[in-house]
């Protein structure tokens, strides 16, 4: 198998398993759990299973979370949009401060 094919398979299988639903569980992991998860990715880079330029697991998970948020907020017909709270519009009527004399 060529290196390119190997990298594609690693990203499709192993990295997908590591990041599956990570937005839901990543915040509940301990620092030791995160280090072990990052070590899996570092080992894959060291052995040549994936490209060296793949970001850290934390970055991949944060990017996926941001992408989901963007899709959710940008599409009112998204399947999860009905669980969002209604948008609140607040208009502040602040008084002017007195200028120092």
PDB file of N, CA and C in Angstrom:
ATOM      1  N   UNK A   1       0.851  -1.177   0.000  1.00  0.00           N
ATOM      2  CA  UNK A   1       0.000   0.000   0.000  1.00  0.00           C
ATOM      3  C   UNK A   1       0.900   1.244   0.000  1.00  0.00           C
ATOM      4  N   UNK A   2       0.573   2.211  -0.798  1.00  0.00           N
ATOM      5  CA  UNK A   2       1.383   3.426  -0.863  1.00  0.00           C
ATOM      6  C   UNK A   2       1.166   4.260   0.397  1.00  0.00           C
ATOM      7  N   UNK A   3       2.093   5.174   0.634  1.00  0.00           N
ATOM      8  CA  UNK A   3       1.984   6.042   1.814  1.00  0.00           C
ATOM      9  C   UNK A   3       0.737   6.908   1.764  1.00  0.00           C
ATOM     10  N   UNK A   4       0.404   7.412   0.600  1.00  0.00           N
ATOM     11  CA  UNK A   4      -0.781   8.256   0.473  1.00  0.00           C
ATOM     12  C   UNK A   4      -2.033   7.475   0.822  1.00  0.00           C
ATOM     13  N   UNK A   5      -2.128   6.252   0.322  1.00  0.00           N
ATOM     14  CA  UNK A   5      -3.281   5.404   0.632  1.00  0.00           C
ATOM     15  C   UNK A   5      -3.335   5.079   2.116  1.00  0.00           C
ATOM     16  N   UNK A   6      -2.182   4.824   2.705  1.00  0.00           N
ATOM     17  CA  UNK A   6      -2.106   4.530   4.128  1.00  0.00           C
ATOM     18  C   UNK A   6      -2.578   5.717   4.963  1.00  0.00           C
ATOM     19  N   UNK A   7      -2.188   6.914   4.577  1.00  0.00           N
ATOM     20  CA  UNK A   7      -2.605   8.128   5.292  1.00  0.00           C
ATOM     21  C   UNK A   7      -4.116   8.330   5.173  1.00  0.00           C
ATOM     22  N   UNK A   8      -4.661   8.063   3.994  1.00  0.00           N
ATOM     23  CA  UNK A   8      -6.106   8.209   3.786  1.00  0.00           C
ATOM     24  C   UNK A   8      -6.874   7.215   4.656  1.00  0.00           C
ATOM     25  N   UNK A   9      -6.401   5.977   4.688  1.00  0.00           N
ATOM     26  CA  UNK A   9      -7.067   4.953   5.498  1.00  0.00           C
ATOM     27  C   UNK A   9      -6.967   5.298   6.980  1.00  0.00           C
ATOM     28  N   UNK A  10      -5.802   5.765   7.436  1.00  0.00           N
ATOM     29  CA  UNK A  10      -5.637   6.127   8.846  1.00  0.00           C
ATOM     30  C   UNK A  10      -6.598   7.251   9.224  1.00  0.00           C
ATOM     31  N   UNK A  11      -6.671   8.251   8.363  1.00  0.00           N
ATOM     32  CA  UNK A  11      -7.553   9.387   8.665  1.00  0.00           C
ATOM     33  C   UNK A  11      -9.024   8.953   8.659  1.00  0.00           C
ATOM     34  N   UNK A  12      -9.385   8.070   7.749  1.00  0.00           N
ATOM     35  CA  UNK A  12     -10.775   7.633   7.632  1.00  0.00           C
ATOM     36  C   UNK A  12     -11.185   6.681   8.750  1.00  0.00           C
ATOM     37  N   UNK A  13     -10.261   5.890   9.247  1.00  0.00           N
ATOM     38  CA  UNK A  13     -10.629   4.876  10.240  1.00  0.00           C
ATOM     39  C   UNK A  13     -10.205   5.293  11.648  1.00  0.00           C
ATOM     40  N   UNK A  14      -8.915   5.353  11.883  1.00  0.00           N
ATOM     41  CA  UNK A  14      -8.424   5.579  13.247  1.00  0.00           C
ATOM     42  C   UNK A  14      -8.742   6.985  13.748  1.00  0.00           C
ATOM     43  N   UNK A  15      -8.471   7.989  12.939  1.00  0.00           N
ATOM     44  CA  UNK A  15      -8.724   9.365  13.377  1.00  0.00           C
ATOM     45  C   UNK A  15     -10.217   9.634  13.523  1.00  0.00           C
ATOM     46  N   UNK A  16     -11.013   9.004  12.670  1.00  0.00           N
ATOM     47  CA  UNK A  16     -12.465   9.147  12.790  1.00  0.00           C
ATOM     48  C   UNK A  16     -12.964   8.526  14.090  1.00  0.00           C
ATOM     49  N   UNK A  17     -12.390   7.408  14.495  1.00  0.00           N
ATOM     50  CA  UNK A  17     -12.781   6.781  15.762  1.00  0.00           C
ATOM     51  C   UNK A  17     -12.354   7.637  16.949  1.00  0.00           C
ATOM     52  N   UNK A  18     -11.191   8.255  16.869  1.00  0.00           N
ATOM     53  CA  UNK A  18     -10.717   9.100  17.963  1.00  0.00           C
ATOM     54  C   UNK A  18     -11.572  10.353  18.137  1.00  0.00           C
ATOM     55  N   UNK A  19     -12.061  10.887  17.052  1.00  0.00           N
ATOM     56  CA  UNK A  19     -12.789  12.153  17.125  1.00  0.00           C
ATOM     57  C   UNK A  19     -14.298  11.995  17.085  1.00  0.00           C
ATOM     58  N   UNK A  20     -14.804  10.751  17.010  1.00  0.00           N
ATOM     59  CA  UNK A  20     -16.243  10.533  16.915  1.00  0.00           C
ATOM     60  C   UNK A  20     -16.946  11.082  18.157  1.00  0.00           C
ATOM     61  N   UNK A  21     -17.882  11.981  17.958  1.00  0.00           N
ATOM     62  CA  UNK A  21     -18.679  12.592  19.028  1.00  0.00           C
ATOM     63  C   UNK A  21     -17.802  13.212  20.109  1.00  0.00           C
ATOM     64  N   UNK A  22     -16.622  13.638  19.739  1.00  0.00           N
ATOM     65  CA  UNK A  22     -15.683  14.183  20.716  1.00  0.00           C
ATOM     66  C   UNK A  22     -16.178  15.474  21.344  1.00  0.00           C
ATOM     67  N   UNK A  23     -17.017  16.207  20.648  1.00  0.00           N
ATOM     68  CA  UNK A  23     -17.556  17.435  21.225  1.00  0.00           C
ATOM     69  C   UNK A  23     -18.349  17.134  22.494  1.00  0.00           C
ATOM     70  N   UNK A  24     -18.920  15.951  22.560  1.00  0.00           N
ATOM     71  CA  UNK A  24     -19.732  15.571  23.715  1.00  0.00           C
ATOM     72  C   UNK A  24     -18.887  15.085  24.890  1.00  0.00           C
ATOM     73  N   UNK A  25     -17.778  14.421  24.637  1.00  0.00           N
ATOM     74  CA  UNK A  25     -17.035  13.821  25.733  1.00  0.00           C
ATOM     75  C   UNK A  25     -15.690  14.462  26.039  1.00  0.00           C
ATOM     76  N   UNK A  26     -15.144  15.272  25.148  1.00  0.00           N
ATOM     77  CA  UNK A  26     -13.794  15.801  25.320  1.00  0.00           C
ATOM     78  C   UNK A  26     -13.647  16.650  26.574  1.00  0.00           C
ATOM     79  N   UNK A  27     -14.642  17.447  26.903  1.00  0.00           N
ATOM     80  CA  UNK A  27     -14.555  18.315  28.083  1.00  0.00           C
ATOM     81  C   UNK A  27     -14.596  17.536  29.391  1.00  0.00           C
ATOM     82  N   UNK A  28     -15.019  16.289  29.352  1.00  0.00           N
ATOM     83  CA  UNK A  28     -15.101  15.474  30.562  1.00  0.00           C
ATOM     84  C   UNK A  28     -13.880  14.590  30.775  1.00  0.00           C
ATOM     85  N   UNK A  29     -12.896  14.709  29.919  1.00  0.00           N
ATOM     86  CA  UNK A  29     -11.693  13.910  30.062  1.00  0.00           C
ATOM     87  C   UNK A  29     -10.704  14.605  30.984  1.00  0.00           C
ATOM     88  N   UNK A  30      -9.867  13.809  31.593  1.00  0.00           N
ATOM     89  CA  UNK A  30      -8.816  14.359  32.445  1.00  0.00           C
ATOM     90  C   UNK A  30      -7.602  14.686  31.579  1.00  0.00           C
ATOM     91  N   UNK A  31      -6.652  15.361  32.174  1.00  0.00           N
ATOM     92  CA  UNK A  31      -5.430  15.696  31.448  1.00  0.00           C
ATOM     93  C   UNK A  31      -4.687  14.428  31.039  1.00  0.00           C
ATOM     94  N   UNK A  32      -4.723  13.416  31.885  1.00  0.00           N
ATOM     95  CA  UNK A  32      -4.059  12.150  31.553  1.00  0.00           C
ATOM     96  C   UNK A  32      -4.745  11.470  30.369  1.00  0.00           C
ATOM     97  N   UNK A  33      -6.070  11.516  30.332  1.00  0.00           N
ATOM     98  CA  UNK A  33      -6.799  10.946  29.198  1.00  0.00           C
ATOM     99  C   UNK A  33      -6.446  11.666  27.910  1.00  0.00           C
ATOM    100  N   UNK A  34      -6.350  12.969  27.988  1.00  0.00           N
ATOM    101  CA  UNK A  34      -6.015  13.755  26.791  1.00  0.00           C
ATOM    102  C   UNK A  34      -4.601  13.466  26.317  1.00  0.00           C
ATOM    103  N   UNK A  35      -3.680  13.306  27.264  1.00  0.00           N
ATOM    104  CA  UNK A  35      -2.305  12.984  26.885  1.00  0.00           C
ATOM    105  C   UNK A  35      -2.223  11.625  26.203  1.00  0.00           C
ATOM    106  N   UNK A  36      -2.979  10.643  26.705  1.00  0.00           N
ATOM    107  CA  UNK A  36      -2.983   9.317  26.077  1.00  0.00           C
ATOM    108  C   UNK A  36      -3.578   9.389  24.673  1.00  0.00           C
ATOM    109  N   UNK A  37      -4.624  10.186  24.516  1.00  0.00           N
ATOM    110  CA  UNK A  37      -5.235  10.329  23.194  1.00  0.00           C
ATOM    111  C   UNK A  37      -4.284  11.018  22.224  1.00  0.00           C
ATOM    112  N   UNK A  38      -3.616  12.049  22.701  1.00  0.00           N
ATOM    113  CA  UNK A  38      -2.630  12.744  21.859  1.00  0.00           C
ATOM    114  C   UNK A  38      -1.461  11.821  21.525  1.00  0.00           C
ATOM    115  N   UNK A  39      -1.111  10.932  22.453  1.00  0.00           N
ATOM    116  CA  UNK A  39       0.002  10.006  22.220  1.00  0.00           C
ATOM    117  C   UNK A  39      -0.309   9.047  21.078  1.00  0.00           C
ATOM    118  N   UNK A  40      -1.563   8.670  20.932  1.00  0.00           N
ATOM    119  CA  UNK A  40      -1.952   7.798  19.807  1.00  0.00           C
ATOM    120  C   UNK A  40      -1.664   8.505  18.481  1.00  0.00           C
ATOM    121  N   UNK A  41      -2.024   9.766  18.412  1.00  0.00           N
ATOM    122  CA  UNK A  41      -1.786  10.536  17.190  1.00  0.00           C
ATOM    123  C   UNK A  41      -0.287  10.752  16.958  1.00  0.00           C
ATOM    124  N   UNK A  42       0.459  11.033  18.022  1.00  0.00           N
ATOM    125  CA  UNK A  42       1.903  11.232  17.892  1.00  0.00           C
ATOM    126  C   UNK A  42       2.597   9.941  17.428  1.00  0.00           C
ATOM    127  N   UNK A  43       2.126   8.807  17.937  1.00  0.00           N
ATOM    128  CA  UNK A  43       2.702   7.524  17.537  1.00  0.00           C
ATOM    129  C   UNK A  43       2.438   7.258  16.056  1.00  0.00           C
ATOM    130  N   UNK A  44       1.248   7.624  15.601  1.00  0.00           N
ATOM    131  CA  UNK A  44       0.922   7.437  14.182  1.00  0.00           C
ATOM    132  C   UNK A  44       1.794   8.323  13.302  1.00  0.00           C
ATOM    133  N   UNK A  45       2.066   9.529  13.758  1.00  0.00           N
ATOM    134  CA  UNK A  45       2.956  10.421  12.993  1.00  0.00           C
ATOM    135  C   UNK A  45       4.372   9.860  12.951  1.00  0.00           C
ATOM    136  N   UNK A  46       4.839   9.374  14.095  1.00  0.00           N
ATOM    137  CA  UNK A  46       6.200   8.855  14.189  1.00  0.00           C
ATOM    138  C   UNK A  46       6.398   7.610  13.325  1.00  0.00           C
ATOM    139  N   UNK A  47       5.381   6.761  13.247  1.00  0.00           N
ATOM    140  CA  UNK A  47       5.506   5.531  12.462  1.00  0.00           C
ATOM    141  C   UNK A  47       5.147   5.708  10.996  1.00  0.00           C
ATOM    142  N   UNK A  48       4.682   6.898  10.624  1.00  0.00           N
ATOM    143  CA  UNK A  48       4.387   7.173   9.229  1.00  0.00           C
ATOM    144  C   UNK A  48       2.985   6.805   8.799  1.00  0.00           C
ATOM    145  N   UNK A  49       2.095   6.548   9.754  1.00  0.00           N
ATOM    146  CA  UNK A  49       0.717   6.222   9.397  1.00  0.00           C
ATOM    147  C   UNK A  49      -0.084   7.440   8.965  1.00  0.00           C
ATOM    148  N   UNK A  50       0.323   8.612   9.417  1.00  0.00           N
ATOM    149  CA  UNK A  50      -0.379   9.834   9.016  1.00  0.00           C
ATOM    150  C   UNK A  50       0.636  10.939   8.781  1.00  0.00           C
ATOM    151  N   UNK A  51       0.180  11.977   8.134  1.00  0.00           N
ATOM    152  CA  UNK A  51       1.049  13.105   7.819  1.00  0.00           C
ATOM    153  C   UNK A  51       1.496  13.811   9.090  1.00  0.00           C
ATOM    154  N   UNK A  52       2.667  14.405   9.033  1.00  0.00           N
ATOM    155  CA  UNK A  52       3.187  15.144  10.185  1.00  0.00           C
ATOM    156  C   UNK A  52       2.467  16.467  10.407  1.00  0.00           C
ATOM    157  N   UNK A  53       1.808  16.979   9.370  1.00  0.00           N
ATOM    158  CA  UNK A  53       1.173  18.295   9.493  1.00  0.00           C
ATOM    159  C   UNK A  53      -0.260  18.240  10.036  1.00  0.00           C
ATOM    160  N   UNK A  54      -0.722  17.060  10.446  1.00  0.00           N
ATOM    161  CA  UNK A  54      -2.051  16.974  11.060  1.00  0.00           C
ATOM    162  C   UNK A  54      -1.967  17.664  12.425  1.00  0.00           C
ATOM    163  N   UNK A  55      -2.917  18.559  12.716  1.00  0.00           N
ATOM    164  CA  UNK A  55      -2.859  19.265  14.002  1.00  0.00           C
ATOM    165  C   UNK A  55      -3.111  18.317  15.171  1.00  0.00           C
ATOM    166  N   UNK A  56      -2.984  18.852  16.361  1.00  0.00           N
ATOM    167  CA  UNK A  56      -3.217  18.049  17.557  1.00  0.00           C
ATOM    168  C   UNK A  56      -4.672  17.603  17.617  1.00  0.00           C
ATOM    169  N   UNK A  57      -4.919  16.610  18.424  1.00  0.00           N
ATOM    170  CA  UNK A  57      -6.274  16.091  18.574  1.00  0.00           C
ATOM    171  C   UNK A  57      -7.197  17.151  19.166  1.00  0.00           C
ATOM    172  N   UNK A  58      -6.690  17.920  20.113  1.00  0.00           N
ATOM    173  CA  UNK A  58      -7.492  18.992  20.712  1.00  0.00           C
ATOM    174  C   UNK A  58      -7.901  20.013  19.656  1.00  0.00           C
ATOM    175  N   UNK A  59      -6.989  20.350  18.754  1.00  0.00           N
ATOM    176  CA  UNK A  59      -7.295  21.313  17.689  1.00  0.00           C
ATOM    177  C   UNK A  59      -8.325  20.737  16.723  1.00  0.00           C
ATOM    178  N   UNK A  60      -8.182  19.465  16.371  1.00  0.00           N
ATOM    179  CA  UNK A  60      -9.143  18.826  15.476  1.00  0.00           C
ATOM    180  C   UNK A  60     -10.543  18.820  16.089  1.00  0.00           C
ATOM    181  N   UNK A  61     -10.615  18.532  17.377  1.00  0.00           N
ATOM    182  CA  UNK A  61     -11.911  18.477  18.055  1.00  0.00           C
ATOM    183  C   UNK A  61     -12.514  19.870  18.172  1.00  0.00           C
ATOM    184  N   UNK A  62     -11.708  20.859  18.511  1.00  0.00           N
ATOM    185  CA  UNK A  62     -12.214  22.237  18.596  1.00  0.00           C
ATOM    186  C   UNK A  62     -12.682  22.739  17.234  1.00  0.00           C
ATOM    187  N   UNK A  63     -11.945  22.405  16.184  1.00  0.00           N
ATOM    188  CA  UNK A  63     -12.352  22.818  14.837  1.00  0.00           C
ATOM    189  C   UNK A  63     -13.673  22.165  14.431  1.00  0.00           C
ATOM    190  N   UNK A  64     -13.833  20.880  14.757  1.00  0.00           N
ATOM    191  CA  UNK A  64     -15.087  20.181  14.438  1.00  0.00           C
ATOM    192  C   UNK A  64     -16.252  20.781  15.217  1.00  0.00           C
ATOM    193  N   UNK A  65     -16.001  21.150  16.466  1.00  0.00           N
ATOM    194  CA  UNK A  65     -17.034  21.766  17.294  1.00  0.00           C
ATOM    195  C   UNK A  65     -17.433  23.130  16.739  1.00  0.00           C
ATOM    196  N   UNK A  66     -16.444  23.914  16.326  1.00  0.00           N
ATOM    197  CA  UNK A  66     -16.729  25.223  15.723  1.00  0.00           C
ATOM    198  C   UNK A  66     -17.501  25.073  14.415  1.00  0.00           C
ATOM    199  N   UNK A  67     -17.132  24.082  13.625  1.00  0.00           N
ATOM    200  CA  UNK A  67     -17.821  23.854  12.353  1.00  0.00           C
ATOM    201  C   UNK A  67     -19.282  23.475  12.581  1.00  0.00           C
ATOM    202  N   UNK A  68     -19.525  22.627  13.578  1.00  0.00           N
ATOM    203  CA  UNK A  68     -20.900  22.255  13.901  1.00  0.00           C
ATOM    204  C   UNK A  68     -21.696  23.471  14.372  1.00  0.00           C
ATOM    205  N   UNK A  69     -21.081  24.295  15.200  1.00  0.00           N
ATOM    206  CA  UNK A  69     -21.759  25.503  15.680  1.00  0.00           C
ATOM    207  C   UNK A  69     -22.094  26.443  14.532  1.00  0.00           C
ATOM    208  N   UNK A  70     -21.160  26.603  13.610  1.00  0.00           N
ATOM    209  CA  UNK A  70     -21.406  27.470  12.463  1.00  0.00           C
ATOM    210  C   UNK A  70     -22.549  26.947  11.602  1.00  0.00           C
ATOM    211  N   UNK A  71     -22.569  25.639  11.383  1.00  0.00           N
ATOM    212  CA  UNK A  71     -23.644  25.048  10.583  1.00  0.00           C
ATOM    213  C   UNK A  71     -24.983  25.178  11.298  1.00  0.00           C
ATOM    214  N   UNK A  72     -24.968  25.011  12.587  1.00  0.00           N
ATOM    215  CA  UNK A  72     -26.198  25.074  13.369  1.00  0.00           C
ATOM    216  C   UNK A  72     -26.763  26.487  13.411  1.00  0.00           C
ATOM    217  N   UNK A  73     -25.900  27.459  13.636  1.00  0.00           N
ATOM    218  CA  UNK A  73     -26.359  28.847  13.728  1.00  0.00           C
ATOM    219  C   UNK A  73     -26.702  29.433  12.367  1.00  0.00           C
ATOM    220  N   UNK A  74     -26.074  28.938  11.328  1.00  0.00           N
ATOM    221  CA  UNK A  74     -26.297  29.487  10.005  1.00  0.00           C
ATOM    222  C   UNK A  74     -27.458  28.872   9.250  1.00  0.00           C
ATOM    223  N   UNK A  75     -28.048  27.814   9.774  1.00  0.00           N
ATOM    224  CA  UNK A  75     -29.119  27.123   9.065  1.00  0.00           C
ATOM    225  C   UNK A  75     -30.314  26.934   9.995  1.00  0.00           C
ATOM    226  N   UNK A  76     -31.378  27.696   9.811  1.00  0.00           N
ATOM    227  CA  UNK A  76     -32.542  27.547  10.700  1.00  0.00           C
ATOM    228  C   UNK A  76     -33.268  26.216  10.503  1.00  0.00           C
ATOM    229  N   UNK A  77     -32.960  25.483   9.443  1.00  0.00           N
ATOM    230  CA  UNK A  77     -33.604  24.200   9.186  1.00  0.00           C
ATOM    231  C   UNK A  77     -32.753  23.018   9.637  1.00  0.00           C
ATOM    232  N   UNK A  78     -31.658  23.293  10.325  1.00  0.00           N
ATOM    233  CA  UNK A  78     -30.798  22.233  10.835  1.00  0.00           C
ATOM    234  C   UNK A  78     -31.575  21.417  11.868  1.00  0.00           C
ATOM    235  N   UNK A  79     -31.316  20.133  11.916  1.00  0.00           N
ATOM    236  CA  UNK A  79     -32.070  19.237  12.790  1.00  0.00           C
ATOM    237  C   UNK A  79     -31.919  19.617  14.268  1.00  0.00           C
ATOM    238  N   UNK A  80     -30.836  20.252  14.645  1.00  0.00           N
ATOM    239  CA  UNK A  80     -30.629  20.640  16.037  1.00  0.00           C
ATOM    240  C   UNK A  80     -31.073  22.063  16.349  1.00  0.00           C
ATOM    241  N   UNK A  81     -31.525  22.804  15.352  1.00  0.00           N
ATOM    242  CA  UNK A  81     -31.849  24.215  15.582  1.00  0.00           C
ATOM    243  C   UNK A  81     -33.035  24.405  16.513  1.00  0.00           C
ATOM    244  N   UNK A  82     -33.912  23.423  16.624  1.00  0.00           N
ATOM    245  CA  UNK A  82     -35.074  23.587  17.494  1.00  0.00           C
ATOM    246  C   UNK A  82     -34.722  23.508  18.972  1.00  0.00           C
ATOM    247  N   UNK A  83     -33.527  23.055  19.325  1.00  0.00           N
ATOM    248  CA  UNK A  83     -33.153  23.009  20.737  1.00  0.00           C
ATOM    249  C   UNK A  83     -32.404  24.254  21.189  1.00  0.00           C
ATOM    250  N   UNK A  84     -32.111  25.139  20.250  1.00  0.00           N
ATOM    251  CA  UNK A  84     -31.449  26.394  20.615  1.00  0.00           C
ATOM    252  C   UNK A  84     -32.443  27.331  21.292  1.00  0.00           C
ATOM    253  N   UNK A  85     -31.981  28.114  22.256  1.00  0.00           N
ATOM    254  CA  UNK A  85     -32.882  29.102  22.845  1.00  0.00           C
ATOM    255  C   UNK A  85     -33.181  30.204  21.838  1.00  0.00           C
ATOM    256  N   UNK A  86     -34.302  30.875  22.032  1.00  0.00           N
ATOM    257  CA  UNK A  86     -34.647  31.976  21.142  1.00  0.00           C
ATOM    258  C   UNK A  86     -33.609  33.084  21.267  1.00  0.00           C
ATOM    259  N   UNK A  87     -33.400  33.763  20.172  1.00  0.00           N
ATOM    260  CA  UNK A  87     -32.427  34.850  20.161  1.00  0.00           C
ATOM    261  C   UNK A  87     -32.985  36.012  20.966  1.00  0.00           C
ATOM    262  N   UNK A  88     -32.189  36.500  21.885  1.00  0.00           N
ATOM    263  CA  UNK A  88     -32.634  37.629  22.704  1.00  0.00           C
ATOM    264  C   UNK A  88     -32.030  38.913  22.151  1.00  0.00           C
ATOM    265  N   UNK A  89     -32.877  39.890  22.022  1.00  0.00           N
ATOM    266  CA  UNK A  89     -32.429  41.198  21.556  1.00  0.00           C
ATOM    267  C   UNK A  89     -32.593  42.154  22.725  1.00  0.00           C
ATOM    268  N   UNK A  90     -31.509  42.730  23.125  1.00  0.00           N
ATOM    269  CA  UNK A  90     -31.586  43.655  24.253  1.00  0.00           C
ATOM    270  C   UNK A  90     -31.196  45.044  23.778  1.00  0.00           C
ATOM    271  N   UNK A  91     -32.007  45.995  24.168  1.00  0.00           N
ATOM    272  CA  UNK A  91     -31.678  47.377  23.833  1.00  0.00           C
ATOM    273  C   UNK A  91     -31.430  48.106  25.151  1.00  0.00           C
ATOM    274  N   UNK A  92     -30.249  48.560  25.283  1.00  0.00           N
ATOM    275  CA  UNK A  92     -29.862  49.236  26.505  1.00  0.00           C
ATOM    276  C   UNK A  92     -30.126  50.726  26.366  1.00  0.00           C
ATOM    277  N   UNK A  93     -30.667  51.278  27.394  1.00  0.00           N
ATOM    278  CA  UNK A  93     -30.886  52.711  27.432  1.00  0.00           C
ATOM    279  C   UNK A  93     -30.017  53.262  28.560  1.00  0.00           C
ATOM    280  N   UNK A  94     -28.780  53.482  28.211  1.00  0.00           N
ATOM    281  CA  UNK A  94     -27.821  53.937  29.220  1.00  0.00           C
ATOM    282  C   UNK A  94     -27.839  55.451  29.317  1.00  0.00           C
ATOM    283  N   UNK A  95     -27.720  55.914  30.535  1.00  0.00           N
ATOM    284  CA  UNK A  95     -27.668  57.361  30.717  1.00  0.00           C
ATOM    285  C   UNK A  95     -26.261  57.857  30.438  1.00  0.00           C
ATOM    286  N   UNK A  96     -26.178  59.078  30.047  1.00  0.00           N
ATOM    287  CA  UNK A  96     -24.875  59.678  29.771  1.00  0.00           C
ATOM    288  C   UNK A  96     -24.166  59.978  31.066  1.00  0.00           C
ATOM    289  N   UNK A  97     -22.898  59.762  31.059  1.00  0.00           N
ATOM    290  CA  UNK A  97     -22.122  60.096  32.254  1.00  0.00           C
ATOM    291  C   UNK A  97     -21.822  61.583  32.244  1.00  0.00           C
ATOM    292  N   UNK A  98     -21.704  62.124  33.409  1.00  0.00           N
ATOM    293  CA  UNK A  98     -21.381  63.546  33.517  1.00  0.00           C
ATOM    294  C   UNK A  98     -19.904  63.745  33.239  1.00  0.00           C
ATOM    295  N   UNK A  99     -19.622  64.762  32.476  1.00  0.00           N
ATOM    296  CA  UNK A  99     -18.237  65.068  32.162  1.00  0.00           C
ATOM    297  C   UNK A  99     -17.559  65.623  33.401  1.00  0.00           C
ATOM    298  N   UNK A 100     -16.314  65.208  33.645  1.00  0.00           N
ATOM    299  CA  UNK A 100     -15.598  65.721  34.823  1.00  0.00           C
ATOM    300  C   UNK A 100     -15.391  67.232  34.705  1.00  0.00           C
ATOM    301  N   UNK A 101     -15.518  67.904  35.806  1.00  0.00           N
ATOM    302  CA  UNK A 101     -15.362  69.367  35.818  1.00  0.00           C
ATOM    303  C   UNK A 101     -13.940  69.779  35.996  1.00  0.00           C
TER     304      UNK A 101
END
